[in-house]
C-alpha atoms as a PDB file:
ATOM      1  CA  MET A   1     173.206-144.948  38.551  1.00  0.00           C
ATOM      2  CA  THR A   2     176.329-145.816  36.571  1.00  0.00           C
ATOM      3  CA  THR A   3     179.365-143.584  36.310  1.00  0.00           C
ATOM      4  CA  LYS A   4     178.695-142.974  32.642  1.00  0.00           C
ATOM      5  CA  THR A   5     175.151-141.766  33.394  1.00  0.00           C
ATOM      6  CA  ARG A   6     176.326-139.527  36.260  1.00  0.00           C
ATOM      7  CA  LEU A   7     179.016-137.977  34.082  1.00  0.00           C
ATOM      8  CA  LEU A   8     176.599-137.417  31.226  1.00  0.00           C
ATOM      9  CA  LEU A   9     174.097-135.711  33.527  1.00  0.00           C
ATOM     10  CA  SER A  10     176.874-133.593  35.043  1.00  0.00           C
ATOM     11  CA  VAL A  11     178.087-132.463  31.623  1.00  0.00           C
ATOM     12  CA  ILE A  12     174.523-131.634  30.577  1.00  0.00           C
ATOM     13  CA  ALA A  13     174.007-129.608  33.766  1.00  0.00           C
ATOM     14  CA  LEU A  14     177.298-127.771  33.238  1.00  0.00           C
ATOM     15  CA  GLY A  15     176.345-127.110  29.612  1.00  0.00           C
ATOM     16  CA  ILE A  16     173.012-125.601  30.676  1.00  0.00           C
ATOM     17  CA  LEU A  17     174.753-123.495  33.319  1.00  0.00           C
ATOM     18  CA  ASP A  18     177.337-122.474  30.722  1.00  0.00           C
ATOM     19  CA  ALA A  19     174.538-121.359  28.378  1.00  0.00           C
ATOM     20  CA  ILE A  20     172.756-119.394  31.109  1.00  0.00           C
ATOM     21  CA  ILE A  21     175.922-117.600  32.254  1.00  0.00           C
ATOM     22  CA  PRO A  22     177.952-117.161  29.040  1.00  0.00           C
ATOM     23  CA  LEU A  23     180.529-114.829  30.616  1.00  0.00           C
ATOM     24  CA  PHE A  24     182.032-117.686  32.661  1.00  0.00           C
ATOM     25  CA  PRO A  25     182.846-120.645  30.351  1.00  0.00           C
ATOM     26  CA  ILE A  26     182.705-123.488  32.876  1.00  0.00           C
ATOM     27  CA  LEU A  27     183.072-126.382  30.441  1.00  0.00           C
ATOM     28  CA  ALA A  28     186.043-124.782  28.723  1.00  0.00           C
ATOM     29  CA  LEU A  29     187.770-124.224  32.077  1.00  0.00           C
ATOM     30  CA  VAL A  30     187.184-127.847  33.105  1.00  0.00           C
ATOM     31  CA  LEU A  31     188.554-129.021  29.743  1.00  0.00           C
ATOM     32  CA  VAL A  32     191.680-126.880  30.082  1.00  0.00           C
ATOM     33  CA  TYR A  33     192.210-128.140  33.638  1.00  0.00           C
ATOM     34  CA  VAL A  34     191.896-131.781  32.569  1.00  0.00           C
ATOM     35  CA  LEU A  35     194.213-131.310  29.594  1.00  0.00           C
ATOM     36  CA  LEU A  36     196.920-129.449  31.515  1.00  0.00           C
ATOM     37  CA  GLU A  37     196.842-131.162  34.908  1.00  0.00           C
ATOM     38  CA  ARG A  38     195.779-134.698  33.929  1.00  0.00           C
ATOM     39  CA  PRO A  39     194.092-135.385  37.270  1.00  0.00           C
ATOM     40  CA  PRO A  40     194.012-139.023  38.441  1.00  0.00           C
ATOM     41  CA  TRP A  41     190.242-138.919  39.017  1.00  0.00           C
ATOM     42  CA  PHE A  42     189.685-138.277  35.305  1.00  0.00           C
ATOM     43  CA  LEU A  43     191.762-141.311  34.331  1.00  0.00           C
ATOM     44  CA  GLY A  44     189.731-143.352  36.818  1.00  0.00           C
ATOM     45  CA  TRP A  45     186.502-142.222  35.195  1.00  0.00           C
ATOM     46  CA  VAL A  46     187.785-143.081  31.715  1.00  0.00           C
ATOM     47  CA  GLN A  47     188.911-146.515  32.866  1.00  0.00           C
ATOM     48  CA  GLU A  48     185.582-147.161  34.589  1.00  0.00           C
ATOM     49  CA  ILE A  49     183.536-146.069  31.566  1.00  0.00           C
ATOM     50  CA  TYR A  50     185.595-147.826  28.884  1.00  0.00           C
ATOM     51  CA  GLY A  51     186.779-150.743  31.020  1.00  0.00           C
ATOM     52  CA  THR A  52     190.457-150.307  30.248  1.00  0.00           C
ATOM     53  CA  GLY A  53     193.147-151.490  32.595  1.00  0.00           C
ATOM     54  CA  HIS A  54     195.881-149.077  31.502  1.00  0.00           C
ATOM     55  CA  GLN A  55     197.718-147.236  34.222  1.00  0.00           C
ATOM     56  CA  ALA A  56     199.045-143.681  34.018  1.00  0.00           C
ATOM     57  CA  LYS A  57     202.790-143.335  33.609  1.00  0.00           C
END
């Protein structure tokens, strides 16, 4: 299974969980974390999916 497929399935699962338990916005918290912290694993995923060779500064 490719990274893109795994990520898509993970986001779908989180979206379903987010809809079942609306008091705890999981996707929004993950988005805020990624935007504020800029974790290196997220950049790796983006580079793997889009095939870019750019490095973080």
